[in-house]
N, C-alpha and C. Protein backbone atom coordinates (compact mmCIF):
# COMPACT_ATOMS: atom_id res chain seq x y z
N UNK A 1 147.48 116.65 90.57
CA UNK A 1 147.30 115.27 90.94
C UNK A 1 148.53 114.73 91.67
N UNK A 2 149.73 115.14 91.21
CA UNK A 2 150.95 114.70 91.87
C UNK A 2 151.02 115.21 93.30
N UNK A 3 150.61 116.45 93.50
CA UNK A 3 150.65 117.02 94.84
C UNK A 3 149.76 116.25 95.79
N UNK A 4 148.59 115.86 95.32
CA UNK A 4 147.66 115.10 96.15
C UNK A 4 148.27 113.75 96.53
N UNK A 5 148.93 113.11 95.60
CA UNK A 5 149.58 111.84 95.87
C UNK A 5 150.70 112.01 96.88
N UNK A 6 151.50 113.07 96.73
CA UNK A 6 152.57 113.34 97.68
C UNK A 6 152.03 113.59 99.08
N UNK A 7 150.93 114.30 99.16
CA UNK A 7 150.33 114.59 100.47
C UNK A 7 149.89 113.29 101.13
N UNK A 8 149.23 112.40 100.38
CA UNK A 8 148.79 111.13 100.95
C UNK A 8 149.97 110.27 101.38
N UNK A 9 151.02 110.24 100.60
CA UNK A 9 152.21 109.47 100.96
C UNK A 9 152.84 110.05 102.22
N UNK A 10 152.93 111.35 102.31
CA UNK A 10 153.50 112.00 103.49
C UNK A 10 152.66 111.72 104.73
N UNK A 11 151.35 111.80 104.62
CA UNK A 11 150.48 111.51 105.75
C UNK A 11 150.60 110.05 106.18
N UNK A 12 150.67 109.15 105.23
CA UNK A 12 150.81 107.73 105.53
C UNK A 12 152.13 107.47 106.26
N UNK A 13 153.22 108.05 105.74
CA UNK A 13 154.53 107.86 106.36
C UNK A 13 154.54 108.42 107.78
N UNK A 14 153.93 109.58 107.98
CA UNK A 14 153.88 110.19 109.30
C UNK A 14 153.10 109.31 110.27
N UNK A 15 151.99 108.78 109.82
CA UNK A 15 151.19 107.94 110.71
C UNK A 15 151.93 106.66 111.08
N UNK A 16 152.66 106.08 110.14
CA UNK A 16 153.44 104.87 110.42
C UNK A 16 154.53 105.17 111.44
N UNK A 17 155.17 106.31 111.32
CA UNK A 17 156.23 106.68 112.26
C UNK A 17 155.68 106.81 113.67
N UNK A 18 154.54 107.48 113.83
CA UNK A 18 153.98 107.68 115.16
C UNK A 18 153.45 106.38 115.75
N UNK A 19 152.91 105.51 114.94
CA UNK A 19 152.42 104.23 115.44
C UNK A 19 153.59 103.33 115.83
N UNK A 20 154.66 103.39 115.08
CA UNK A 20 155.82 102.54 115.34
C UNK A 20 156.67 103.00 116.50
N UNK A 21 156.48 104.19 117.01
CA UNK A 21 157.32 104.73 118.07
C UNK A 21 156.70 104.60 119.45
N UNK A 22 155.72 103.76 119.60
CA UNK A 22 155.13 103.58 120.92
C UNK A 22 156.16 102.95 121.84
N UNK A 23 156.14 103.40 123.10
CA UNK A 23 157.08 102.85 124.07
C UNK A 23 156.52 101.55 124.60
N UNK A 24 157.31 100.51 124.48
CA UNK A 24 156.92 99.22 125.01
C UNK A 24 157.75 98.92 126.24
N UNK A 25 157.16 98.18 127.17
CA UNK A 25 157.87 97.85 128.40
C UNK A 25 158.96 96.83 128.10
N UNK A 26 160.08 97.00 128.78
CA UNK A 26 161.15 96.04 128.64
C UNK A 26 160.82 94.82 129.49
N UNK A 27 161.58 93.77 129.31
CA UNK A 27 161.36 92.54 130.07
C UNK A 27 161.53 92.82 131.56
N UNK A 28 162.50 93.65 131.90
CA UNK A 28 162.75 93.98 133.30
C UNK A 28 161.54 94.68 133.91
N UNK A 29 160.95 95.62 133.19
CA UNK A 29 159.78 96.33 133.69
C UNK A 29 158.59 95.39 133.85
N UNK A 30 158.42 94.46 132.93
CA UNK A 30 157.34 93.49 133.03
C UNK A 30 157.51 92.61 134.26
N UNK A 31 158.75 92.18 134.52
CA UNK A 31 159.03 91.35 135.69
C UNK A 31 158.76 92.13 136.97
N UNK A 32 159.19 93.39 137.01
CA UNK A 32 158.95 94.22 138.20
C UNK A 32 157.46 94.39 138.46
N UNK A 33 156.69 94.62 137.41
CA UNK A 33 155.24 94.76 137.56
C UNK A 33 154.62 93.47 138.09
N UNK A 34 155.08 92.35 137.59
CA UNK A 34 154.56 91.06 138.05
C UNK A 34 154.87 90.81 139.51
N UNK A 35 156.09 91.16 139.91
CA UNK A 35 156.49 90.98 141.31
C UNK A 35 155.65 91.89 142.21
N UNK A 36 155.42 93.12 141.80
CA UNK A 36 154.61 94.03 142.60
C UNK A 36 153.18 93.51 142.75
N UNK A 37 152.63 92.93 141.71
CA UNK A 37 151.28 92.36 141.79
C UNK A 37 151.23 91.20 142.78
N UNK A 38 152.25 90.34 142.74
CA UNK A 38 152.30 89.20 143.65
C UNK A 38 152.43 89.68 145.09
N UNK A 39 153.28 90.66 145.33
CA UNK A 39 153.45 91.20 146.68
C UNK A 39 152.14 91.79 147.19
N UNK A 40 151.44 92.52 146.35
CA UNK A 40 150.15 93.09 146.75
C UNK A 40 149.14 91.99 147.07
N UNK A 41 149.11 90.94 146.27
CA UNK A 41 148.19 89.83 146.51
C UNK A 41 148.52 89.13 147.83
N UNK A 42 149.81 88.95 148.11
CA UNK A 42 150.21 88.30 149.36
C UNK A 42 149.82 89.17 150.56
N UNK A 43 150.01 90.47 150.44
CA UNK A 43 149.62 91.38 151.52
C UNK A 43 148.12 91.31 151.77
N UNK A 44 147.34 91.30 150.70
CA UNK A 44 145.89 91.21 150.85
C UNK A 44 145.48 89.90 151.50
N UNK A 45 146.09 88.82 151.09
CA UNK A 45 145.77 87.51 151.67
C UNK A 45 146.15 87.46 153.14
N UNK A 46 147.28 88.04 153.48
CA UNK A 46 147.73 88.07 154.87
C UNK A 46 146.75 88.86 155.73
N UNK A 47 146.31 89.98 155.24
CA UNK A 47 145.34 90.79 155.97
C UNK A 47 144.02 90.03 156.15
N UNK A 48 143.59 89.32 155.11
CA UNK A 48 142.35 88.55 155.19
C UNK A 48 142.47 87.45 156.25
N UNK A 49 143.59 86.76 156.28
CA UNK A 49 143.81 85.70 157.27
C UNK A 49 143.85 86.29 158.67
N UNK A 50 144.53 87.42 158.82
CA UNK A 50 144.61 88.07 160.13
C UNK A 50 143.22 88.47 160.61
N UNK A 51 142.40 88.97 159.72
CA UNK A 51 141.04 89.36 160.10
C UNK A 51 140.21 88.13 160.48
N UNK A 52 140.36 87.03 159.76
CA UNK A 52 139.63 85.82 160.08
C UNK A 52 140.05 85.27 161.44
N UNK A 53 141.35 85.29 161.72
CA UNK A 53 141.84 84.82 163.01
C UNK A 53 141.32 85.73 164.13
N UNK A 54 141.34 87.01 163.90
CA UNK A 54 140.86 87.96 164.89
C UNK A 54 139.37 87.73 165.17
N UNK A 55 138.59 87.49 164.12
CA UNK A 55 137.18 87.21 164.29
C UNK A 55 136.95 85.89 165.03
N UNK A 56 137.77 84.90 164.77
CA UNK A 56 137.63 83.60 165.41
C UNK A 56 137.96 83.71 166.92
N UNK A 57 138.92 84.57 167.25
CA UNK A 57 139.29 84.76 168.64
C UNK A 57 138.18 85.46 169.40
N UNK A 58 137.51 86.39 168.75
CA UNK A 58 136.42 87.12 169.40
C UNK A 58 135.25 86.19 169.57
């Protein structure tokens, strides 16, 4: 019975360790990702406007 309890405690501790060791993004990485998203959105909007102007000229 003691061995079974030890096994469950060991499994529980191992699972907690693996769950707790997930890599989280730092604030700097989050800011960089946000900036990249904004740049992509601006590029898309610029292309859309250029296409609309081109269509209006034609």
